[in-house]
Amino acid sequence: MYNIVVIGAGISGCCGAYFLNRAGLNTLLIDKSGVASTGGSYPAGAFISPKIGKYTPLLELTNRAFEFSKDFYIKNFPKEYIKSGLIRLPRDNKDVPKFEEYFKNSQKHSVELIGKEQLREYGVKNDEVGLLFRDAGFISPQKLTKALIRDIKYLQYEVKSLEYRESRWIINNKIETERVVLATGYRDNLLDLRYMGIKGLWGSRGDYRTNLDLKVSIHKKISISANIGGVVRVGATHNRAKEPCILCDGNPLKSLEKEAKSMVDSGDFKLKEIFCGMRSSSKDYFPLVGEIVDVSFMLKSYPNLKYGAKAPLKKLPNIYILNGVGGRGFLFAPYLADRLTEYILNKTPIEERINPDRLFFKWCRKSFPTQN
């Protein structure tokens, strides 16, 4: 029997398994398709850079995760982390004062405000100002995830049933474990997780062969990586359509290529490979980390929840979620996996804004409206 089984081998599941295994738990990682071979991790550009703009709780969380994850990658996976630096460009003229204000108030992230001449030297077209983050970079999703689980037991296996019996979880009536972590991305069919509002965001990425001398990565409405070995990656757009392949009409890179042309001289770009997949996000765009509410028990025991009543939350035993990282999975995952591991082992509290408990009572009111 295992101490813990992590279901889902995208970046969240691989980081979760890494931190739990490093903490001494006998860990098994399961995925039905392969390591970072589908879902949001497969097409990820995996850019690691801070978020800028006016202060919001999400910005603060993102930048805290950036500092943690950047240092984690540099220390533990220096071969997989390409510290290229990244230039963020204003989306439009209204953004320019925000960039200048951000630089004036910035005390972290090794940021420099650069002007038109320096941007031209870095290969950027048309823009007047940018913010250069020298510690930023990007990652090869497949190489990193495989490196993360190098010393972890892994099984390519489809989980069809998950039951709790006699103080242990039973997977497909075969695999026994004391605890489970769900890192299944936008797929949430093993348990009732409706209150979390997990939804899919379609992402696309293209890798291009080019002689363009891009020494740093660039982000505007899309991201373009530095040129490594004659290849740059361009991506990723987000699409909420239920049928994204129909909407893009068989050309998922059309809008990316148009935007890239406005940012750099992409005249010799030759498509090498296309990556597409669905990422997971929550209702409020904050990640989902923590225990899981026993929805069936709560609704049956407290029928007045739909009228706005509150009640003590009953949780499913020894099962947790690590999900909803959206388009910044490779930035968020190490930080969140560390937080979850600390909770499982030491009961270190998980902050409210990432704890899925925050969504339950609101879901009860909205999903079961009162009748007037």
Protein backbone atom coordinates (compact mmCIF):
# COMPACT_ATOMS: atom_id res chain seq x y z
CA MET A 1 0.00 0.00 0.00
CA TYR A 2 1.20 3.50 -0.84
CA ASN A 3 1.33 6.48 1.51
CA ILE A 4 -0.08 8.68 -1.25
CA VAL A 5 -1.15 8.42 -4.89
CA VAL A 6 -1.15 11.47 -7.17
CA ILE A 7 -3.57 11.19 -10.08
CA GLY A 8 -2.56 13.29 -13.08
CA ALA A 9 0.95 13.75 -14.49
CA GLY A 10 0.83 17.31 -15.76
CA ILE A 11 3.03 19.91 -14.12
CA SER A 12 0.82 20.11 -11.01
CA GLY A 13 0.82 16.35 -10.47
CA CYS A 14 4.54 15.99 -11.17
CA CYS A 15 5.41 18.79 -8.74
CA GLY A 16 3.03 17.37 -6.15
CA ALA A 17 4.61 13.92 -6.45
CA TYR A 18 8.11 15.43 -6.30
CA PHE A 19 7.53 17.37 -3.08
CA LEU A 20 5.62 14.54 -1.37
CA ASN A 21 8.24 11.96 -2.33
CA ARG A 22 11.04 14.27 -1.21
CA ALA A 23 9.27 14.60 2.16
CA GLY A 24 9.58 10.85 2.65
CA LEU A 25 6.15 9.57 1.56
CA ASN A 26 5.94 6.38 -0.50
CA THR A 27 4.42 8.06 -3.59
CA LEU A 28 2.84 6.73 -6.77
CA LEU A 29 2.04 8.97 -9.75
CA ILE A 30 -0.68 7.84 -12.17
CA ASP A 31 -1.79 9.19 -15.54
CA LYS A 32 -3.80 7.47 -18.25
CA SER A 33 -2.04 9.20 -21.16
CA GLY A 34 1.56 9.86 -20.14
CA VAL A 35 3.72 12.51 -18.52
CA ALA A 36 2.72 16.00 -19.75
CA SER A 37 1.42 14.35 -22.92
CA THR A 38 -2.07 15.91 -22.95
CA GLY A 39 -3.98 18.68 -21.19
CA GLY A 40 -2.51 22.05 -20.35
CA SER A 41 1.10 21.02 -19.71
CA TYR A 42 1.58 19.54 -23.18
CA PRO A 43 1.27 22.80 -25.19
CA ALA A 44 2.60 25.11 -22.49
CA GLY A 45 5.13 27.75 -23.38
CA ALA A 46 6.13 27.37 -19.72
CA PHE A 47 7.31 30.97 -19.34
CA ILE A 48 8.38 31.90 -15.83
CA SER A 49 7.99 35.64 -15.27
CA PRO A 50 6.27 38.00 -12.82
CA LYS A 51 2.86 39.55 -13.31
CA ILE A 52 2.73 43.33 -13.57
CA GLY A 53 0.03 45.95 -13.12
CA LYS A 54 -1.89 47.42 -10.23
CA TYR A 55 -1.80 45.49 -6.98
CA THR A 56 -4.40 42.74 -6.69
CA PRO A 57 -4.42 39.62 -4.51
CA LEU A 58 -3.87 37.52 -7.66
CA LEU A 59 -0.85 39.63 -8.68
CA GLU A 60 0.67 39.30 -5.22
CA LEU A 61 0.14 35.52 -5.21
CA THR A 62 1.55 35.17 -8.72
CA ASN A 63 4.69 37.11 -7.91
CA ARG A 64 5.24 35.24 -4.66
CA ALA A 65 4.96 31.99 -6.61
CA PHE A 66 7.37 33.39 -9.24
CA GLU A 67 10.07 34.05 -6.65
CA PHE A 68 9.64 30.59 -5.09
CA SER A 69 9.45 28.63 -8.34
CA LYS A 70 12.26 30.51 -10.09
CA ASP A 71 14.61 29.76 -7.20
CA PHE A 72 13.37 26.15 -7.05
CA TYR A 73 14.11 25.56 -10.73
CA ILE A 74 17.50 27.27 -10.66
CA LYS A 75 18.60 25.27 -7.62
CA ASN A 76 17.17 21.86 -8.49
CA PHE A 77 16.75 21.80 -12.28
CA PRO A 78 19.27 24.24 -13.77
CA LYS A 79 19.53 22.26 -17.02
CA GLU A 80 15.77 22.44 -17.60
CA TYR A 81 15.37 26.13 -16.70
CA ILE A 82 16.47 28.44 -19.52
CA LYS A 83 17.18 31.77 -17.85
CA SER A 84 16.73 33.84 -21.00
CA GLY A 85 15.31 36.97 -19.43
CA LEU A 86 11.96 38.27 -20.65
CA ILE A 87 10.76 41.62 -21.97
CA ARG A 88 7.15 42.54 -21.25
CA LEU A 89 5.65 45.02 -23.69
CA PRO A 90 2.59 47.28 -23.24
CA ARG A 91 -0.54 45.94 -24.89
CA ASP A 92 -1.40 49.48 -26.02
CA ASN A 93 -0.56 53.15 -25.31
CA LYS A 94 -2.72 53.10 -22.17
CA ASP A 95 -0.34 50.55 -20.67
CA VAL A 96 2.80 52.71 -21.02
CA PRO A 97 2.22 54.81 -17.85
CA LYS A 98 1.48 51.59 -15.94
CA PHE A 99 4.88 50.21 -16.96
CA GLU A 100 6.64 53.37 -15.85
CA GLU A 101 4.75 53.36 -12.54
CA TYR A 102 5.51 49.68 -11.98
CA PHE A 103 9.23 50.26 -12.54
CA LYS A 104 9.26 53.22 -10.16
CA ASN A 105 7.66 51.19 -7.38
CA SER A 106 9.38 47.89 -8.07
CA GLN A 107 11.85 46.53 -5.57
CA LYS A 108 12.14 42.93 -6.78
CA HIS A 109 12.44 40.75 -9.86
CA SER A 110 15.64 42.41 -11.27
CA VAL A 111 13.59 44.65 -13.54
CA GLU A 112 14.87 47.30 -15.96
CA LEU A 113 12.86 49.88 -17.88
CA ILE A 114 14.19 49.96 -21.44
CA GLY A 115 13.41 52.29 -24.32
CA LYS A 116 13.03 52.13 -28.07
CA GLU A 117 16.72 51.83 -28.98
CA GLN A 118 17.35 48.95 -26.57
CA LEU A 119 14.20 47.20 -27.73
CA ARG A 120 15.50 47.33 -31.31
CA GLU A 121 18.77 45.81 -30.14
CA TYR A 122 16.78 42.93 -28.65
CA GLY A 123 14.85 42.45 -31.91
CA VAL A 124 11.56 44.06 -30.85
CA LYS A 125 9.60 46.03 -33.47
CA ASN A 126 7.40 49.13 -33.06
CA ASP A 127 7.26 49.45 -29.27
CA GLU A 128 8.55 52.47 -27.34
CA VAL A 129 9.08 51.00 -23.87
CA GLY A 130 9.40 47.63 -22.16
CA LEU A 131 10.25 45.98 -18.86
CA LEU A 132 13.17 43.55 -18.88
CA PHE A 133 13.16 40.85 -16.20
CA ARG A 134 16.60 39.24 -16.26
CA ASP A 135 15.70 36.37 -13.91
CA ALA A 136 12.74 35.28 -16.02
CA GLY A 137 12.95 32.37 -18.41
CA PHE A 138 11.17 29.33 -19.76
CA ILE A 139 11.16 25.57 -19.52
CA SER A 140 10.82 22.55 -21.75
CA PRO A 141 7.60 21.01 -20.36
CA GLN A 142 8.38 17.41 -21.28
CA LYS A 143 12.01 17.49 -20.13
CA LEU A 144 11.17 19.13 -16.81
CA THR A 145 8.23 16.89 -15.89
CA LYS A 146 10.27 13.77 -16.63
CA ALA A 147 13.14 15.15 -14.53
CA LEU A 148 10.74 15.87 -11.65
CA ILE A 149 9.57 12.27 -11.46
CA ARG A 150 12.91 10.60 -12.17
CA ASP A 151 12.95 8.95 -8.72
CA ILE A 152 9.20 8.45 -8.35
CA LYS A 153 7.11 5.36 -9.09
CA TYR A 154 5.00 6.11 -12.16
CA LEU A 155 2.21 4.11 -13.75
CA GLN A 156 0.41 4.85 -17.01
CA TYR A 157 -3.04 3.73 -15.95
CA GLU A 158 -6.63 4.93 -16.33
CA VAL A 159 -8.44 5.56 -13.05
CA LYS A 160 -12.08 4.56 -13.46
CA SER A 161 -13.16 4.25 -9.83
CA LEU A 162 -12.10 5.79 -6.54
CA GLU A 163 -13.61 4.50 -3.29
CA TYR A 164 -12.85 5.00 0.40
CA ARG A 165 -13.08 1.79 2.40
CA GLU A 166 -11.64 0.79 5.77
CA SER A 167 -9.54 3.94 6.18
CA ARG A 168 -7.92 3.73 2.75
CA TRP A 169 -8.62 4.75 -0.81
CA ILE A 170 -9.07 1.98 -3.39
CA ILE A 171 -8.35 2.77 -7.04
CA ASN A 172 -10.06 0.50 -9.58
CA ASN A 173 -10.49 -2.09 -6.79
CA LYS A 174 -6.74 -2.78 -7.07
CA ILE A 175 -4.42 -0.04 -5.82
CA GLU A 176 -4.57 0.83 -2.12
CA THR A 177 -3.31 4.07 -0.64
CA GLU A 178 -3.65 6.07 2.56
CA ARG A 179 -4.11 9.38 0.74
CA VAL A 180 -4.88 10.73 -2.74
CA VAL A 181 -4.09 13.98 -4.54
CA LEU A 182 -6.24 14.86 -7.56
CA ALA A 183 -4.24 16.78 -10.18
CA THR A 184 -6.45 15.82 -13.10
CA GLY A 185 -6.66 19.23 -14.80
CA TYR A 186 -9.93 20.11 -16.47
CA ARG A 187 -11.21 16.54 -16.08
CA ASP A 188 -13.08 16.28 -12.77
CA ASN A 189 -15.26 13.18 -13.13
CA LEU A 190 -13.91 11.05 -10.26
CA LEU A 191 -15.67 12.97 -7.46
CA ASP A 192 -18.32 15.68 -7.14
CA LEU A 193 -16.21 18.83 -7.59
CA ARG A 194 -18.93 21.01 -9.10
CA TYR A 195 -18.53 23.73 -6.51
CA MET A 196 -14.96 24.39 -7.65
CA GLY A 197 -16.13 25.42 -11.11
CA ILE A 198 -13.19 23.83 -12.92
CA LYS A 199 -13.24 24.87 -16.55
CA GLY A 200 -11.07 24.42 -19.60
CA LEU A 201 -8.95 27.03 -21.36
CA TRP A 202 -7.64 25.97 -24.76
CA GLY A 203 -3.97 26.69 -25.41
CA SER A 204 -1.91 26.54 -28.60
CA ARG A 205 1.81 26.77 -29.22
CA GLY A 206 4.00 26.60 -32.29
CA ASP A 207 7.72 25.88 -32.40
CA TYR A 208 9.48 27.54 -35.35
CA ARG A 209 12.90 27.17 -36.92
CA THR A 210 14.48 30.56 -37.51
CA ASN A 211 17.77 32.43 -37.78
CA LEU A 212 16.32 35.40 -35.89
CA ASP A 213 18.78 36.36 -33.15
CA LEU A 214 16.41 36.56 -30.18
CA LYS A 215 18.51 36.50 -27.02
CA VAL A 216 15.57 37.17 -24.66
CA SER A 217 11.95 36.07 -24.54
CA ILE A 218 9.21 38.59 -25.27
CA HIS A 219 5.63 38.88 -24.02
CA LYS A 220 2.84 41.13 -25.22
CA LYS A 221 -0.52 39.57 -26.02
CA ILE A 222 1.37 36.35 -26.71
CA SER A 223 4.81 35.07 -25.74
CA ILE A 224 7.81 34.43 -27.97
CA SER A 225 10.79 32.59 -26.54
CA ALA A 226 14.44 33.33 -26.99
CA ASN A 227 16.10 31.44 -29.85
CA ILE A 228 17.57 28.22 -28.49
CA GLY A 229 19.29 25.99 -31.02
CA GLY A 230 17.61 27.72 -33.95
CA VAL A 231 14.08 27.30 -32.56
CA VAL A 232 11.67 29.76 -30.96
CA ARG A 233 8.31 28.93 -29.44
CA VAL A 234 5.25 31.12 -29.96
CA GLY A 235 2.14 30.80 -27.77
CA ALA A 236 -0.22 30.41 -26.17
CA THR A 237 -3.64 31.76 -26.93
CA HIS A 238 -6.59 31.00 -24.63
CA ASN A 239 -9.95 30.00 -26.01
CA ARG A 240 -13.06 29.29 -23.93
CA ALA A 241 -15.00 27.72 -26.79
CA LYS A 242 -16.32 24.20 -26.16
CA GLU A 243 -15.13 23.15 -29.60
CA PRO A 244 -11.87 25.10 -30.09
CA CYS A 245 -10.69 23.03 -33.06
CA ILE A 246 -13.86 23.92 -34.95
CA LEU A 247 -13.53 27.60 -34.03
CA CYS A 248 -9.92 27.81 -35.21
CA ASP A 249 -10.90 26.09 -38.48
CA GLY A 250 -7.89 23.80 -38.42
CA ASN A 251 -5.33 26.59 -37.99
CA PRO A 252 -4.75 27.11 -34.25
CA LEU A 253 -1.65 29.25 -34.88
CA LYS A 254 -3.15 31.82 -37.22
CA SER A 255 -3.72 34.51 -34.59
CA LEU A 256 -0.39 33.74 -32.91
CA GLU A 257 1.54 34.14 -36.14
CA LYS A 258 -0.19 37.44 -36.87
CA GLU A 259 0.68 38.81 -33.44
CA ALA A 260 4.26 37.51 -33.63
CA LYS A 261 4.74 39.34 -36.95
CA SER A 262 3.84 42.62 -35.24
CA MET A 263 6.40 41.99 -32.47
CA VAL A 264 9.50 40.65 -34.25
CA ASP A 265 10.82 40.00 -37.76
CA SER A 266 9.24 36.59 -38.28
CA GLY A 267 9.81 36.44 -42.04
CA ASP A 268 11.92 33.28 -41.96
CA PHE A 269 9.86 31.40 -39.36
CA LYS A 270 9.29 27.81 -40.51
CA LEU A 271 6.84 25.74 -38.48
CA LYS A 272 8.49 22.75 -36.81
CA GLU A 273 5.74 21.46 -34.51
CA ILE A 274 2.25 22.33 -33.18
CA PHE A 275 1.10 21.75 -29.60
CA CYS A 276 -2.54 22.12 -28.47
CA GLY A 277 -4.34 21.22 -25.27
CA MET A 278 -6.83 22.18 -22.59
CA ARG A 279 -5.74 23.91 -19.40
CA SER A 280 -7.73 24.07 -16.18
CA SER A 281 -8.95 27.16 -14.38
CA SER A 282 -11.30 27.92 -11.49
CA LYS A 283 -14.29 30.25 -11.31
CA ASP A 284 -12.26 33.10 -9.81
CA TYR A 285 -8.93 32.30 -11.54
CA PHE A 286 -7.18 31.47 -8.26
CA PRO A 287 -5.67 27.98 -7.98
CA LEU A 288 -7.35 25.15 -6.07
CA VAL A 289 -5.25 23.63 -3.30
CA GLY A 290 -6.50 21.75 -0.26
CA GLU A 291 -9.12 19.34 1.02
CA ILE A 292 -12.34 18.41 -0.78
CA VAL A 293 -15.83 19.04 0.62
CA ASP A 294 -18.18 16.06 0.91
CA VAL A 295 -20.84 17.65 -1.30
CA SER A 296 -23.40 14.87 -1.01
CA PHE A 297 -23.30 14.91 2.80
CA MET A 298 -23.50 18.70 3.01
CA LEU A 299 -26.49 19.05 0.69
CA LYS A 300 -28.39 16.22 2.36
CA SER A 301 -27.62 17.31 5.93
CA TYR A 302 -28.10 21.05 5.48
CA PRO A 303 -30.90 21.75 2.95
CA ASN A 304 -30.94 25.44 3.93
CA LEU A 305 -27.53 25.97 2.32
CA LYS A 306 -29.38 26.99 -0.83
CA TYR A 307 -30.98 29.86 1.12
CA GLY A 308 -27.62 31.21 2.25
CA ALA A 309 -27.26 29.26 5.49
CA LYS A 310 -23.79 28.28 6.70
CA ALA A 311 -22.72 25.03 8.32
CA PRO A 312 -19.48 23.32 9.37
CA LEU A 313 -17.82 21.86 6.30
CA LYS A 314 -17.41 18.11 6.25
CA LYS A 315 -14.44 17.01 4.15
CA LEU A 316 -13.79 13.76 2.37
CA PRO A 317 -11.07 11.92 4.31
CA ASN A 318 -7.44 12.04 3.20
CA ILE A 319 -8.00 13.33 -0.31
CA TYR A 320 -6.78 16.64 -1.69
CA ILE A 321 -6.80 18.71 -4.85
CA LEU A 322 -3.97 20.47 -6.68
CA ASN A 323 -5.52 22.09 -9.73
CA GLY A 324 -6.78 25.24 -11.47
CA VAL A 325 -3.37 26.73 -12.32
CA GLY A 326 -4.57 28.18 -15.65
CA GLY A 327 -2.00 29.58 -18.07
CA ARG A 328 0.75 29.87 -15.43
CA GLY A 329 1.02 26.25 -14.42
CA PHE A 330 4.80 26.00 -14.52
CA LEU A 331 5.06 29.14 -12.40
CA PHE A 332 2.44 28.14 -9.82
CA ALA A 333 2.97 24.38 -9.51
CA PRO A 334 6.17 24.19 -7.37
CA TYR A 335 4.90 26.81 -4.92
CA LEU A 336 1.47 25.20 -4.58
CA ALA A 337 2.89 21.68 -4.30
CA ASP A 338 5.10 22.88 -1.46
CA ARG A 339 2.08 24.46 0.30
CA LEU A 340 0.02 21.27 -0.07
CA THR A 341 2.86 19.07 1.17
CA GLU A 342 3.27 21.28 4.25
CA TYR A 343 -0.46 20.98 4.91
CA ILE A 344 -0.58 17.20 4.53
CA LEU A 345 2.45 16.58 6.73
CA ASN A 346 2.33 19.42 9.24
CA LYS A 347 -1.20 20.87 8.97
CA THR A 348 0.32 24.23 8.00
CA PRO A 349 -2.79 26.28 7.08
CA ILE A 350 -3.55 26.86 3.41
CA GLU A 351 -4.41 30.47 2.72
CA GLU A 352 -8.07 31.15 2.00
CA ARG A 353 -7.65 32.55 -1.50
CA ILE A 354 -6.31 29.23 -2.86
CA ASN A 355 -8.32 26.93 -0.60
CA PRO A 356 -11.34 25.60 -2.58
CA ASP A 357 -13.51 25.96 0.56
CA ARG A 358 -13.90 29.61 -0.51
CA LEU A 359 -16.22 28.57 -3.33
CA PHE A 360 -18.61 26.12 -1.65
CA PHE A 361 -21.27 28.30 -0.01
CA LYS A 362 -21.45 30.67 -2.97
CA TRP A 363 -21.96 27.68 -5.25
CA CYS A 364 -24.79 26.42 -3.03
CA ARG A 365 -26.64 29.73 -3.30
CA LYS A 366 -26.16 30.13 -7.04
CA SER A 367 -26.72 26.51 -8.06
CA PHE A 368 -29.89 26.06 -5.99
CA PRO A 369 -31.66 29.46 -6.17
CA THR A 370 -34.59 30.18 -3.91
CA GLN A 371 -38.05 30.28 -5.43
CA ASN A 372 -39.94 33.59 -5.10
